Every structure is written in C-alpha cells, then in structure tokens.
C-alpha cells in the first residue's frame, strides 16, 4: 500500500490509456503536448509518452519494495550468466567463454567494490552483506578461469586438480579474510559428532557409482595399483572435495544465507554448483549434481560442519575416477 504523498505509485495506477489521458474527468491526467491533447498521434506525442513511461518506471524501481525485489533478482541474473557462459565453453567456443568469465569476474569485483564504498560501521547492514556475497561469488568464474588458463598439458591428469586447486585455495582464504569470517562461520570449526560425520562421508560410495553410470569417465590413472593410487586419491580429496566444499557449502552458503535467505541460499548455491558441471555436456548429470548439492547444503546447515560432505565429495570423485572404471 502506498502512503498518500509518498510519490511512489504503481504502474497500474498511473499509466492510462489514450482515451483516459485525454479525458477531462481523469483525476491523474498527465501533462501532454498540445498535439496529443487534441487526439493527434504525432511523433512528439509518442516521444512524450515514452519519456513519461520511463520516468514512472524509474520512480517505481526506486521505491523500497521494487528496490528490494531488484536486489533479490540480481544474484540470479549472475547465476544465469554463469550458466550461459558455461554453455558457451562447452558447446560453442572455449576462448569466448573464457573471455565472458573474465568479464563476469570484473563485473562482480566492481559490484563488490561499490558496495564496499557504501558500507557502514554496522557489520550486518545490507551493503556489507552484499559486499561479502558478491566478493564470494567471484570465486565461481575464477574456478573456470584457472582450469582453462593454467598450463596443464605437460602434467598427468591427477596433478591438474592440484595445480588448479592451489591458487583457488589462496583466493578462497583471501575472501574469508576480507569478509571477516571465522572458522565456525564457514562450518570448519571443531567437529562435535565425529562418528556421524564419518558416516556421512560414506554417502560418496553410492554417489560415485551413480555418477559413474551417468558419465562413464576414463580413469585418471593407467593401472589400479594401491601403491600408486594413494597420492591421486589424496589430491582428489583435498583439491576437489575440500576446495569445492569450502567454496560452495562454506563461503558461498554463508554469504548467500546472510544476504538472501537461508532457504533461498540452499537453492542458489546448489544451482551454481550444478551449472558449473554443464561442461560435461550430460543433462542428466546437471540435475543429479543439483540434487547432490542440495543434499550437501542441507547436511551442512543441520550439522554445522563441512567434514562429512567433504569426505563424501572426495570419496565420490575417488571412486568415480580411480576405482569404478577398473571394475565396472
């Protein structure tokens, strides 16, 4: 409801038809050029209508309700942009997709910088929460930028994850420090129920099996040898399991939960995680990953710990790339 004299009117109550505008009985008659008032649809009249409509639109966007809705829509626009860019990488042109990811990274940094300059001393204000959120969101395009730009050709496949994951960890810790998050804020504090977390980690066994039947990937190693598998397994656990859980279910889930809502954050972060798997070019896998991401986010929010989902994520990738290809 709009208070009298507030200056903010809904579009339905302000924009009239041509007949209503020219009627002397209309209480909210807009001031129009003489040619339009006499019923002539000249170019000047059309321009005037367009200008008046734009003015009304801007006025409505500036209203508190519309501004809040606009602010809530912007994160989803960024998420859709990430998904579209991933489609470009996977289906059209890698270089063009890489350039778009760089553009997204720059825009997100600029957006965060604007909010940083407007922040107040109140650490729970909308500007500081928005700054933390958009700064955290920069890690998403950075993942693809690093994976496409790092010189990986001369290294064996398991080490690709280590090479990409090392600077990614550095960037994640910079975001954590800049946002002022403590260990408990991003769910890496002391574990209260270790047996439960270890049990949750075993979820990775069936998840890896399901994803193996979806993707049927080639193994990352040439032969299944326990003396050679432990290092690739450790790399996958740390640089896919821990790194991705820290970014998506730790930093992003925290920042999105504060800036949006906790329930919205569950779906938002899961959507982002799923679209980052578009480059597999398997539609079923994107939906499967979304479901897994939603499950992991719920478990983190319920248990306040990343340990269980980190183990599950790592075990999923270990079995997917190092075990199941040799036995199934």
C-alpha atoms as a PDB file:
ATOM      1  CA  UNK A   1       0.000   0.000   0.000  1.00  0.00           C
ATOM      2  CA  UNK A   2       1.318   3.449  -0.899  1.00  0.00           C
ATOM      3  CA  UNK A   3       1.008   6.290   1.566  1.00  0.00           C
ATOM      4  CA  UNK A   4      -0.520   9.491   0.354  1.00  0.00           C
ATOM      5  CA  UNK A   5       2.101  11.940  -0.806  1.00  0.00           C
ATOM      6  CA  UNK A   6       4.883   9.339  -0.920  1.00  0.00           C
ATOM      7  CA  UNK A   7       5.485   9.941  -4.615  1.00  0.00           C
ATOM      8  CA  UNK A   8       5.648   6.226  -5.435  1.00  0.00           C
ATOM      9  CA  UNK A   9       2.751   4.906  -7.493  1.00  0.00           C
ATOM     10  CA  UNK A  10       2.302   1.524  -9.076  1.00  0.00           C
ATOM     11  CA  UNK A  11       2.293   1.288 -12.836  1.00  0.00           C
ATOM     12  CA  UNK A  12      -1.341   0.146 -12.876  1.00  0.00           C
ATOM     13  CA  UNK A  13      -2.493   3.255 -11.037  1.00  0.00           C
ATOM     14  CA  UNK A  14      -0.530   5.749 -13.113  1.00  0.00           C
ATOM     15  CA  UNK A  15      -0.408   4.766 -16.764  1.00  0.00           C
ATOM     16  CA  UNK A  16      -3.707   5.374 -18.520  1.00  0.00           C
ATOM     17  CA  UNK A  17      -4.993   4.576 -21.954  1.00  0.00           C
ATOM     18  CA  UNK A  18      -5.001   7.300 -24.575  1.00  0.00           C
ATOM     19  CA  UNK A  19      -8.715   7.876 -24.025  1.00  0.00           C
ATOM     20  CA  UNK A  20      -8.289   8.169 -20.243  1.00  0.00           C
ATOM     21  CA  UNK A  21      -5.352  10.526 -20.590  1.00  0.00           C
ATOM     22  CA  UNK A  22      -7.294  12.949 -22.765  1.00  0.00           C
ATOM     23  CA  UNK A  23     -10.442  12.779 -20.668  1.00  0.00           C
ATOM     24  CA  UNK A  24     -11.040  15.918 -18.536  1.00  0.00           C
ATOM     25  CA  UNK A  25     -12.564  13.729 -15.828  1.00  0.00           C
ATOM     26  CA  UNK A  26      -9.357  11.792 -15.254  1.00  0.00           C
ATOM     27  CA  UNK A  27      -8.040  12.714 -11.817  1.00  0.00           C
ATOM     28  CA  UNK A  28      -4.390  11.766 -12.616  1.00  0.00           C
ATOM     29  CA  UNK A  29      -4.170  13.359 -16.060  1.00  0.00           C
ATOM     30  CA  UNK A  30      -0.601  13.569 -17.319  1.00  0.00           C
ATOM     31  CA  UNK A  31       0.639  16.800 -18.837  1.00  0.00           C
ATOM     32  CA  UNK A  32       0.944  16.140 -22.558  1.00  0.00           C
ATOM     33  CA  UNK A  33       1.898  18.269 -25.546  1.00  0.00           C
ATOM     34  CA  UNK A  34      -0.995  20.123 -27.264  1.00  0.00           C
ATOM     35  CA  UNK A  35      -0.914  17.938 -30.375  1.00  0.00           C
ATOM     36  CA  UNK A  36      -1.623  14.815 -28.309  1.00  0.00           C
ATOM     37  CA  UNK A  37      -4.327  16.513 -26.230  1.00  0.00           C
ATOM     38  CA  UNK A  38      -6.446  17.147 -29.298  1.00  0.00           C
ATOM     39  CA  UNK A  39      -6.240  13.478 -30.241  1.00  0.00           C
ATOM     40  CA  UNK A  40      -3.392  13.676 -32.754  1.00  0.00           C
ATOM     41  CA  UNK A  41      -0.872  10.795 -32.551  1.00  0.00           C
ATOM     42  CA  UNK A  42       2.105  12.779 -33.784  1.00  0.00           C
ATOM     43  CA  UNK A  43       5.719  11.828 -33.158  1.00  0.00           C
ATOM     44  CA  UNK A  44       6.047  14.458 -30.442  1.00  0.00           C
ATOM     45  CA  UNK A  45       3.224  12.892 -28.512  1.00  0.00           C
ATOM     46  CA  UNK A  46       4.716   9.428 -28.787  1.00  0.00           C
ATOM     47  CA  UNK A  47       8.064  10.666 -27.527  1.00  0.00           C
ATOM     48  CA  UNK A  48       6.354  12.334 -24.620  1.00  0.00           C
ATOM     49  CA  UNK A  49       4.577   9.136 -23.678  1.00  0.00           C
ATOM     50  CA  UNK A  50       7.836   7.168 -23.818  1.00  0.00           C
ATOM     51  CA  UNK A  51       9.602   9.725 -21.610  1.00  0.00           C
ATOM     52  CA  UNK A  52       6.737   9.708 -19.122  1.00  0.00           C
ATOM     53  CA  UNK A  53       6.713   5.908 -19.022  1.00  0.00           C
ATOM     54  CA  UNK A  54      10.475   5.768 -18.389  1.00  0.00           C
ATOM     55  CA  UNK A  55      10.096   8.351 -15.619  1.00  0.00           C
ATOM     56  CA  UNK A  56       7.340   6.297 -13.987  1.00  0.00           C
ATOM     57  CA  UNK A  57       9.404   3.101 -14.355  1.00  0.00           C
ATOM     58  CA  UNK A  58      12.448   4.654 -12.689  1.00  0.00           C
ATOM     59  CA  UNK A  59      10.241   6.050  -9.939  1.00  0.00           C
ATOM     60  CA  UNK A  60       8.828   2.591  -9.265  1.00  0.00           C
ATOM     61  CA  UNK A  61      12.285   0.956  -9.259  1.00  0.00           C
ATOM     62  CA  UNK A  62      13.390   3.492  -6.654  1.00  0.00           C
ATOM     63  CA  UNK A  63      10.536   2.569  -4.322  1.00  0.00           C
ATOM     64  CA  UNK A  64      11.628   0.438  -1.327  1.00  0.00           C
ATOM     65  CA  UNK A  65       9.626  -2.613  -2.429  1.00  0.00           C
ATOM     66  CA  UNK A  66      10.810  -2.529  -6.042  1.00  0.00           C
ATOM     67  CA  UNK A  67      14.393  -1.858  -4.988  1.00  0.00           C
ATOM     68  CA  UNK A  68      14.310  -4.879  -2.694  1.00  0.00           C
ATOM     69  CA  UNK A  69      12.919  -7.083  -5.459  1.00  0.00           C
ATOM     70  CA  UNK A  70      15.537  -5.791  -7.878  1.00  0.00           C
ATOM     71  CA  UNK A  71      18.325  -6.544  -5.390  1.00  0.00           C
ATOM     72  CA  UNK A  72      16.940 -10.060  -4.925  1.00  0.00           C
ATOM     73  CA  UNK A  73      16.887 -10.640  -8.696  1.00  0.00           C
ATOM     74  CA  UNK A  74      20.478  -9.538  -9.368  1.00  0.00           C
ATOM     75  CA  UNK A  75      22.138 -12.642  -7.800  1.00  0.00           C
ATOM     76  CA  UNK A  76      20.016 -14.889 -10.009  1.00  0.00           C
ATOM     77  CA  UNK A  77      20.976 -12.863 -13.080  1.00  0.00           C
ATOM     78  CA  UNK A  78      24.616 -13.502 -12.223  1.00  0.00           C
ATOM     79  CA  UNK A  79      23.890 -17.206 -11.732  1.00  0.00           C
ATOM     80  CA  UNK A  80      22.165 -17.407 -15.116  1.00  0.00           C
ATOM     81  CA  UNK A  81      25.122 -15.578 -16.653  1.00  0.00           C
ATOM     82  CA  UNK A  82      27.466 -18.207 -15.187  1.00  0.00           C
ATOM     83  CA  UNK A  83      25.279 -20.973 -16.623  1.00  0.00           C
ATOM     84  CA  UNK A  84      25.155 -19.331 -20.039  1.00  0.00           C
ATOM     85  CA  UNK A  85      28.908 -18.846 -20.057  1.00  0.00           C
ATOM     86  CA  UNK A  86      29.443 -22.494 -19.157  1.00  0.00           C
ATOM     87  CA  UNK A  87      27.198 -23.470 -22.088  1.00  0.00           C
ATOM     88  CA  UNK A  88      29.349 -21.278 -24.308  1.00  0.00           C
ATOM     89  CA  UNK A  89      32.504 -23.007 -23.049  1.00  0.00           C
ATOM     90  CA  UNK A  90      31.076 -26.480 -23.517  1.00  0.00           C
ATOM     91  CA  UNK A  91      29.165 -26.114 -26.772  1.00  0.00           C
ATOM     92  CA  UNK A  92      30.417 -23.138 -28.780  1.00  0.00           C
ATOM     93  CA  UNK A  93      33.843 -21.665 -28.155  1.00  0.00           C
ATOM     94  CA  UNK A  94      36.193 -22.071 -25.200  1.00  0.00           C
ATOM     95  CA  UNK A  95      38.002 -18.777 -25.804  1.00  0.00           C
ATOM     96  CA  UNK A  96      34.752 -16.788 -25.966  1.00  0.00           C
ATOM     97  CA  UNK A  97      33.561 -18.477 -22.794  1.00  0.00           C
ATOM     98  CA  UNK A  98      36.826 -17.692 -21.054  1.00  0.00           C
ATOM     99  CA  UNK A  99      36.537 -14.020 -22.014  1.00  0.00           C
ATOM    100  CA  UNK A 100      33.000 -13.924 -20.643  1.00  0.00           C
ATOM    101  CA  UNK A 101      34.159 -15.473 -17.375  1.00  0.00           C
ATOM    102  CA  UNK A 102      36.814 -12.761 -17.130  1.00  0.00           C
ATOM    103  CA  UNK A 103      34.098 -10.168 -17.783  1.00  0.00           C
ATOM    104  CA  UNK A 104      31.881 -11.677 -15.091  1.00  0.00           C
ATOM    105  CA  UNK A 105      34.778 -11.657 -12.646  1.00  0.00           C
ATOM    106  CA  UNK A 106      35.474  -7.985 -13.350  1.00  0.00           C
ATOM    107  CA  UNK A 107      31.789  -7.016 -13.005  1.00  0.00           C
ATOM    108  CA  UNK A 108      31.437  -8.913  -9.718  1.00  0.00           C
ATOM    109  CA  UNK A 109      34.570  -7.272  -8.324  1.00  0.00           C
ATOM    110  CA  UNK A 110      33.266  -3.858  -9.383  1.00  0.00           C
ATOM    111  CA  UNK A 111      29.864  -4.595  -7.831  1.00  0.00           C
ATOM    112  CA  UNK A 112      31.504  -5.645  -4.574  1.00  0.00           C
ATOM    113  CA  UNK A 113      33.718  -2.542  -4.619  1.00  0.00           C
ATOM    114  CA  UNK A 114      30.713  -0.234  -4.993  1.00  0.00           C
ATOM    115  CA  UNK A 115      29.013  -1.867  -2.009  1.00  0.00           C
ATOM    116  CA  UNK A 116      32.264  -1.673  -0.041  1.00  0.00           C
ATOM    117  CA  UNK A 117      32.434   2.098  -0.518  1.00  0.00           C
ATOM    118  CA  UNK A 118      28.831   2.408   0.707  1.00  0.00           C
ATOM    119  CA  UNK A 119      29.239   0.170   3.721  1.00  0.00           C
ATOM    120  CA  UNK A 120      28.541   1.458   7.204  1.00  0.00           C
ATOM    121  CA  UNK A 121      30.053   0.582  10.546  1.00  0.00           C
ATOM    122  CA  UNK A 122      27.176  -1.841  11.021  1.00  0.00           C
ATOM    123  CA  UNK A 123      28.626  -5.214  10.009  1.00  0.00           C
ATOM    124  CA  UNK A 124      25.158  -6.669   9.437  1.00  0.00           C
ATOM    125  CA  UNK A 125      23.948  -3.862   7.136  1.00  0.00           C
ATOM    126  CA  UNK A 126      22.782  -4.664   3.589  1.00  0.00           C
ATOM    127  CA  UNK A 127      25.827  -3.103   1.946  1.00  0.00           C
ATOM    128  CA  UNK A 128      28.418  -5.070   3.898  1.00  0.00           C
ATOM    129  CA  UNK A 129      26.413  -8.293   3.492  1.00  0.00           C
ATOM    130  CA  UNK A 130      26.121  -7.612  -0.229  1.00  0.00           C
ATOM    131  CA  UNK A 131      29.847  -6.921  -0.399  1.00  0.00           C
ATOM    132  CA  UNK A 132      30.628 -10.256   1.263  1.00  0.00           C
ATOM    133  CA  UNK A 133      28.227 -12.068  -1.043  1.00  0.00           C
ATOM    134  CA  UNK A 134      29.437 -10.627  -4.352  1.00  0.00           C
ATOM    135  CA  UNK A 135      33.068 -10.964  -3.299  1.00  0.00           C
ATOM    136  CA  UNK A 136      32.394 -14.646  -2.536  1.00  0.00           C
ATOM    137  CA  UNK A 137      30.671 -15.039  -5.898  1.00  0.00           C
ATOM    138  CA  UNK A 138      33.888 -14.069  -7.717  1.00  0.00           C
ATOM    139  CA  UNK A 139      35.254 -17.496  -6.817  1.00  0.00           C
ATOM    140  CA  UNK A 140      32.811 -19.178  -9.226  1.00  0.00           C
ATOM    141  CA  UNK A 141      34.102 -17.713 -12.529  1.00  0.00           C
ATOM    142  CA  UNK A 142      37.611 -17.924 -11.073  1.00  0.00           C
ATOM    143  CA  UNK A 143      37.291 -21.722 -10.929  1.00  0.00           C
ATOM    144  CA  UNK A 144      36.765 -21.936 -14.686  1.00  0.00           C
ATOM    145  CA  UNK A 145      39.343 -19.248 -15.475  1.00  0.00           C
ATOM    146  CA  UNK A 146      42.029 -21.159 -13.590  1.00  0.00           C
ATOM    147  CA  UNK A 147      41.079 -24.509 -15.112  1.00  0.00           C
ATOM    148  CA  UNK A 148      41.285 -23.045 -18.637  1.00  0.00           C
ATOM    149  CA  UNK A 149      44.344 -20.827 -18.213  1.00  0.00           C
ATOM    150  CA  UNK A 150      46.745 -22.939 -16.185  1.00  0.00           C
ATOM    151  CA  UNK A 151      49.490 -24.773 -18.173  1.00  0.00           C
ATOM    152  CA  UNK A 152      48.292 -28.323 -17.584  1.00  0.00           C
ATOM    153  CA  UNK A 153      49.263 -30.175 -20.763  1.00  0.00           C
ATOM    154  CA  UNK A 154      52.654 -31.354 -19.518  1.00  0.00           C
ATOM    155  CA  UNK A 155      51.256 -32.858 -16.293  1.00  0.00           C
ATOM    156  CA  UNK A 156      49.406 -36.117 -15.702  1.00  0.00           C
ATOM    157  CA  UNK A 157      45.668 -35.793 -15.078  1.00  0.00           C
ATOM    158  CA  UNK A 158      45.591 -36.160 -11.251  1.00  0.00           C
ATOM    159  CA  UNK A 159      48.001 -33.256 -10.867  1.00  0.00           C
ATOM    160  CA  UNK A 160      45.712 -30.945 -12.833  1.00  0.00           C
ATOM    161  CA  UNK A 161      43.491 -30.708  -9.762  1.00  0.00           C
ATOM    162  CA  UNK A 162      46.452 -29.820  -7.547  1.00  0.00           C
ATOM    163  CA  UNK A 163      47.700 -27.116  -9.940  1.00  0.00           C
ATOM    164  CA  UNK A 164      44.266 -25.507 -10.307  1.00  0.00           C
ATOM    165  CA  UNK A 165      43.279 -26.010  -6.678  1.00  0.00           C
ATOM    166  CA  UNK A 166      46.334 -24.351  -5.105  1.00  0.00           C
ATOM    167  CA  UNK A 167      45.641 -20.772  -6.326  1.00  0.00           C
ATOM    168  CA  UNK A 168      41.941 -21.413  -5.775  1.00  0.00           C
ATOM    169  CA  UNK A 169      42.601 -22.148  -2.098  1.00  0.00           C
ATOM    170  CA  UNK A 170      44.631 -18.936  -1.892  1.00  0.00           C
ATOM    171  CA  UNK A 171      41.759 -16.930  -3.394  1.00  0.00           C
ATOM    172  CA  UNK A 172      39.250 -18.574  -1.050  1.00  0.00           C
ATOM    173  CA  UNK A 173      41.300 -17.677   2.019  1.00  0.00           C
ATOM    174  CA  UNK A 174      41.644 -14.085   0.786  1.00  0.00           C
ATOM    175  CA  UNK A 175      37.851 -13.871   0.528  1.00  0.00           C
ATOM    176  CA  UNK A 176      37.464 -15.383   4.008  1.00  0.00           C
ATOM    177  CA  UNK A 177      39.859 -12.852   5.452  1.00  0.00           C
ATOM    178  CA  UNK A 178      38.359  -9.892   3.612  1.00  0.00           C
ATOM    179  CA  UNK A 179      34.833 -10.862   4.673  1.00  0.00           C
ATOM    180  CA  UNK A 180      35.969 -11.303   8.278  1.00  0.00           C
ATOM    181  CA  UNK A 181      34.647 -14.849   8.571  1.00  0.00           C
ATOM    182  CA  UNK A 182      35.716 -17.027  11.468  1.00  0.00           C
ATOM    183  CA  UNK A 183      36.198 -20.784  11.190  1.00  0.00           C
ATOM    184  CA  UNK A 184      32.783 -21.501  12.701  1.00  0.00           C
ATOM    185  CA  UNK A 185      31.134 -19.076  10.274  1.00  0.00           C
ATOM    186  CA  UNK A 186      32.079 -21.286   7.323  1.00  0.00           C
ATOM    187  CA  UNK A 187      31.500 -24.600   9.102  1.00  0.00           C
ATOM    188  CA  UNK A 188      35.106 -25.678   9.650  1.00  0.00           C
ATOM    189  CA  UNK A 189      35.218 -25.401  13.422  1.00  0.00           C
ATOM    190  CA  UNK A 190      35.662 -28.265  15.859  1.00  0.00           C
ATOM    191  CA  UNK A 191      33.578 -31.325  14.945  1.00  0.00           C
ATOM    192  CA  UNK A 192      31.044 -32.235  17.636  1.00  0.00           C
ATOM    193  CA  UNK A 193      29.884 -35.597  16.295  1.00  0.00           C
ATOM    194  CA  UNK A 194      32.786 -37.298  14.527  1.00  0.00           C
ATOM    195  CA  UNK A 195      31.092 -40.736  14.025  1.00  0.00           C
ATOM    196  CA  UNK A 196      28.148 -39.039  12.296  1.00  0.00           C
ATOM    197  CA  UNK A 197      30.462 -37.053  10.008  1.00  0.00           C
ATOM    198  CA  UNK A 198      32.412 -40.181   9.079  1.00  0.00           C
ATOM    199  CA  UNK A 199      29.153 -41.994   8.346  1.00  0.00           C
ATOM    200  CA  UNK A 200      28.008 -39.122   6.131  1.00  0.00           C
ATOM    201  CA  UNK A 201      31.277 -39.443   4.230  1.00  0.00           C
ATOM    202  CA  UNK A 202      30.297 -42.961   3.136  1.00  0.00           C
ATOM    203  CA  UNK A 203      27.489 -41.436   1.067  1.00  0.00           C
ATOM    204  CA  UNK A 204      30.207 -40.865  -1.508  1.00  0.00           C
ATOM    205  CA  UNK A 205      30.312 -44.568  -2.395  1.00  0.00           C
ATOM    206  CA  UNK A 206      26.800 -44.781  -3.929  1.00  0.00           C
ATOM    207  CA  UNK A 207      27.018 -41.237  -5.280  1.00  0.00           C
ATOM    208  CA  UNK A 208      30.203 -42.088  -7.141  1.00  0.00           C
ATOM    209  CA  UNK A 209      28.554 -45.225  -8.534  1.00  0.00           C
ATOM    210  CA  UNK A 210      25.525 -43.304  -9.815  1.00  0.00           C
ATOM    211  CA  UNK A 211      27.670 -40.628 -11.428  1.00  0.00           C
ATOM    212  CA  UNK A 212      29.894 -43.284 -12.999  1.00  0.00           C
ATOM    213  CA  UNK A 213      26.887 -44.756 -14.801  1.00  0.00           C
ATOM    214  CA  UNK A 214      25.864 -41.257 -15.893  1.00  0.00           C
ATOM    215  CA  UNK A 215      29.269 -40.109 -17.184  1.00  0.00           C
ATOM    216  CA  UNK A 216      31.275 -43.330 -17.788  1.00  0.00           C
ATOM    217  CA  UNK A 217      34.588 -41.464 -17.469  1.00  0.00           C
ATOM    218  CA  UNK A 218      38.008 -42.845 -18.305  1.00  0.00           C
ATOM    219  CA  UNK A 219      40.272 -43.455 -15.275  1.00  0.00           C
ATOM    220  CA  UNK A 220      42.791 -40.805 -14.255  1.00  0.00           C
ATOM    221  CA  UNK A 221      45.498 -43.433 -13.812  1.00  0.00           C
ATOM    222  CA  UNK A 222      46.708 -46.174 -16.141  1.00  0.00           C
ATOM    223  CA  UNK A 223      46.522 -49.149 -13.783  1.00  0.00           C
ATOM    224  CA  UNK A 224      44.810 -49.873 -10.496  1.00  0.00           C
ATOM    225  CA  UNK A 225      47.714 -50.218  -8.070  1.00  0.00           C
ATOM    226  CA  UNK A 226      47.287 -49.458  -4.379  1.00  0.00           C
ATOM    227  CA  UNK A 227      50.871 -48.245  -4.119  1.00  0.00           C
ATOM    228  CA  UNK A 228      50.223 -45.645  -6.829  1.00  0.00           C
ATOM    229  CA  UNK A 229      46.607 -44.734  -6.152  1.00  0.00           C
ATOM    230  CA  UNK A 230      47.028 -43.104  -2.750  1.00  0.00           C
ATOM    231  CA  UNK A 231      48.520 -39.811  -4.000  1.00  0.00           C
ATOM    232  CA  UNK A 232      45.890 -39.201  -6.724  1.00  0.00           C
ATOM    233  CA  UNK A 233      43.231 -40.110  -4.157  1.00  0.00           C
ATOM    234  CA  UNK A 234      44.636 -37.595  -1.661  1.00  0.00           C
ATOM    235  CA  UNK A 235      44.751 -34.908  -4.367  1.00  0.00           C
ATOM    236  CA  UNK A 236      41.107 -35.520  -5.266  1.00  0.00           C
ATOM    237  CA  UNK A 237      40.071 -35.461  -1.606  1.00  0.00           C
ATOM    238  CA  UNK A 238      41.815 -32.161  -0.876  1.00  0.00           C
ATOM    239  CA  UNK A 239      41.618 -30.270  -4.172  1.00  0.00           C
ATOM    240  CA  UNK A 240      38.103 -31.295  -5.233  1.00  0.00           C
ATOM    241  CA  UNK A 241      36.406 -32.422  -2.021  1.00  0.00           C
ATOM    242  CA  UNK A 242      37.726 -29.842   0.423  1.00  0.00           C
ATOM    243  CA  UNK A 243      38.267 -26.993  -2.066  1.00  0.00           C
ATOM    244  CA  UNK A 244      34.798 -27.137  -3.620  1.00  0.00           C
ATOM    245  CA  UNK A 245      33.017 -27.714  -0.321  1.00  0.00           C
ATOM    246  CA  UNK A 246      34.877 -24.799   1.261  1.00  0.00           C
ATOM    247  CA  UNK A 247      33.848 -22.510  -1.600  1.00  0.00           C
ATOM    248  CA  UNK A 248      30.260 -23.636  -2.216  1.00  0.00           C
ATOM    249  CA  UNK A 249      28.981 -25.071   1.076  1.00  0.00           C
ATOM    250  CA  UNK A 250      31.257 -22.922   3.227  1.00  0.00           C
ATOM    251  CA  UNK A 251      31.889 -19.400   1.924  1.00  0.00           C
ATOM    252  CA  UNK A 252      29.017 -19.068  -0.553  1.00  0.00           C
ATOM    253  CA  UNK A 253      26.415 -20.765   1.639  1.00  0.00           C
ATOM    254  CA  UNK A 254      27.361 -18.423   4.490  1.00  0.00           C
ATOM    255  CA  UNK A 255      27.368 -15.220   2.443  1.00  0.00           C
ATOM    256  CA  UNK A 256      24.231 -16.119   0.467  1.00  0.00           C
ATOM    257  CA  UNK A 257      22.423 -17.141   3.651  1.00  0.00           C
ATOM    258  CA  UNK A 258      23.065 -13.694   5.128  1.00  0.00           C
ATOM    259  CA  UNK A 259      22.411 -11.620   2.009  1.00  0.00           C
ATOM    260  CA  UNK A 260      19.442 -13.596   0.678  1.00  0.00           C
ATOM    261  CA  UNK A 261      17.656 -16.034   2.977  1.00  0.00           C
ATOM    262  CA  UNK A 262      18.842 -19.380   4.317  1.00  0.00           C
ATOM    263  CA  UNK A 263      16.294 -21.339   2.294  1.00  0.00           C
ATOM    264  CA  UNK A 264      16.996 -19.302  -0.842  1.00  0.00           C
ATOM    265  CA  UNK A 265      20.727 -19.825  -0.278  1.00  0.00           C
ATOM    266  CA  UNK A 266      20.257 -23.605  -0.370  1.00  0.00           C
ATOM    267  CA  UNK A 267      18.804 -23.490  -3.878  1.00  0.00           C
ATOM    268  CA  UNK A 268      21.027 -20.659  -5.090  1.00  0.00           C
ATOM    269  CA  UNK A 269      24.333 -22.287  -4.166  1.00  0.00           C
ATOM    270  CA  UNK A 270      23.126 -25.681  -5.419  1.00  0.00           C
ATOM    271  CA  UNK A 271      22.120 -24.120  -8.742  1.00  0.00           C
ATOM    272  CA  UNK A 272      25.555 -22.515  -9.111  1.00  0.00           C
ATOM    273  CA  UNK A 273      27.302 -25.794  -8.304  1.00  0.00           C
ATOM    274  CA  UNK A 274      25.159 -27.661 -10.831  1.00  0.00           C
ATOM    275  CA  UNK A 275      25.701 -25.232 -13.727  1.00  0.00           C
ATOM    276  CA  UNK A 276      29.453 -25.476 -13.181  1.00  0.00           C
ATOM    277  CA  UNK A 277      29.074 -29.102 -14.361  1.00  0.00           C
ATOM    278  CA  UNK A 278      27.423 -28.147 -17.658  1.00  0.00           C
ATOM    279  CA  UNK A 279      30.729 -28.646 -19.482  1.00  0.00           C
ATOM    280  CA  UNK A 280      30.315 -32.411 -19.015  1.00  0.00           C
ATOM    281  CA  UNK A 281      27.585 -31.975 -21.658  1.00  0.00           C
ATOM    282  CA  UNK A 282      25.306 -34.507 -19.970  1.00  0.00           C
ATOM    283  CA  UNK A 283      21.939 -33.045 -18.986  1.00  0.00           C
ATOM    284  CA  UNK A 284      21.141 -35.810 -16.509  1.00  0.00           C
ATOM    285  CA  UNK A 285      24.403 -35.140 -14.686  1.00  0.00           C
ATOM    286  CA  UNK A 286      23.494 -31.463 -14.142  1.00  0.00           C
ATOM    287  CA  UNK A 287      20.227 -32.463 -12.464  1.00  0.00           C
ATOM    288  CA  UNK A 288      21.969 -35.186 -10.454  1.00  0.00           C
ATOM    289  CA  UNK A 289      24.641 -32.743  -9.265  1.00  0.00           C
ATOM    290  CA  UNK A 290      21.951 -30.224  -8.294  1.00  0.00           C
ATOM    291  CA  UNK A 291      20.264 -32.846  -6.117  1.00  0.00           C
ATOM    292  CA  UNK A 292      23.561 -33.848  -4.505  1.00  0.00           C
ATOM    293  CA  UNK A 293      24.477 -30.193  -3.919  1.00  0.00           C
ATOM    294  CA  UNK A 294      21.109 -29.566  -2.265  1.00  0.00           C
ATOM    295  CA  UNK A 295      21.616 -32.618  -0.032  1.00  0.00           C
ATOM    296  CA  UNK A 296      25.125 -31.493   0.951  1.00  0.00           C
ATOM    297  CA  UNK A 297      23.940 -27.949   1.716  1.00  0.00           C
ATOM    298  CA  UNK A 298      21.148 -29.278   3.933  1.00  0.00           C
ATOM    299  CA  UNK A 299      23.590 -31.550   5.791  1.00  0.00           C
ATOM    300  CA  UNK A 300      25.988 -28.664   6.367  1.00  0.00           C
ATOM    301  CA  UNK A 301      23.239 -26.433   7.718  1.00  0.00           C
ATOM    302  CA  UNK A 302      21.980 -29.205  10.009  1.00  0.00           C
ATOM    303  CA  UNK A 303      25.361 -30.365  11.325  1.00  0.00           C
ATOM    304  CA  UNK A 304      27.311 -27.064  11.133  1.00  0.00           C
ATOM    305  CA  UNK A 305      30.289 -28.928   9.690  1.00  0.00           C
ATOM    306  CA  UNK A 306      31.935 -29.400   6.300  1.00  0.00           C
ATOM    307  CA  UNK A 307      33.738 -32.589   7.319  1.00  0.00           C
ATOM    308  CA  UNK A 308      31.069 -35.115   6.338  1.00  0.00           C
ATOM    309  CA  UNK A 309      30.273 -33.589   2.944  1.00  0.00           C
ATOM    310  CA  UNK A 310      33.978 -33.046   2.215  1.00  0.00           C
ATOM    311  CA  UNK A 311      34.641 -36.764   2.779  1.00  0.00           C
ATOM    312  CA  UNK A 312      31.566 -37.681   0.724  1.00  0.00           C
ATOM    313  CA  UNK A 313      32.574 -35.364  -2.114  1.00  0.00           C
ATOM    314  CA  UNK A 314      36.137 -36.644  -2.109  1.00  0.00           C
ATOM    315  CA  UNK A 315      35.055 -40.283  -1.982  1.00  0.00           C
ATOM    316  CA  UNK A 316      32.629 -39.668  -4.854  1.00  0.00           C
ATOM    317  CA  UNK A 317      35.432 -38.418  -7.091  1.00  0.00           C
ATOM    318  CA  UNK A 318      37.940 -41.032  -5.915  1.00  0.00           C
ATOM    319  CA  UNK A 319      35.613 -43.907  -6.785  1.00  0.00           C
ATOM    320  CA  UNK A 320      34.405 -42.181  -9.968  1.00  0.00           C
ATOM    321  CA  UNK A 321      37.861 -41.620 -11.459  1.00  0.00           C
ATOM    322  CA  UNK A 322      40.159 -44.100  -9.711  1.00  0.00           C
ATOM    323  CA  UNK A 323      38.143 -47.192  -8.735  1.00  0.00           C
ATOM    324  CA  UNK A 324      34.923 -47.876 -10.649  1.00  0.00           C
ATOM    325  CA  UNK A 325      36.461 -47.516 -14.153  1.00  0.00           C
ATOM    326  CA  UNK A 326      38.616 -50.586 -13.459  1.00  0.00           C
ATOM    327  CA  UNK A 327      35.855 -52.822 -12.088  1.00  0.00           C
ATOM    328  CA  UNK A 328      32.621 -51.805 -13.808  1.00  0.00           C
END
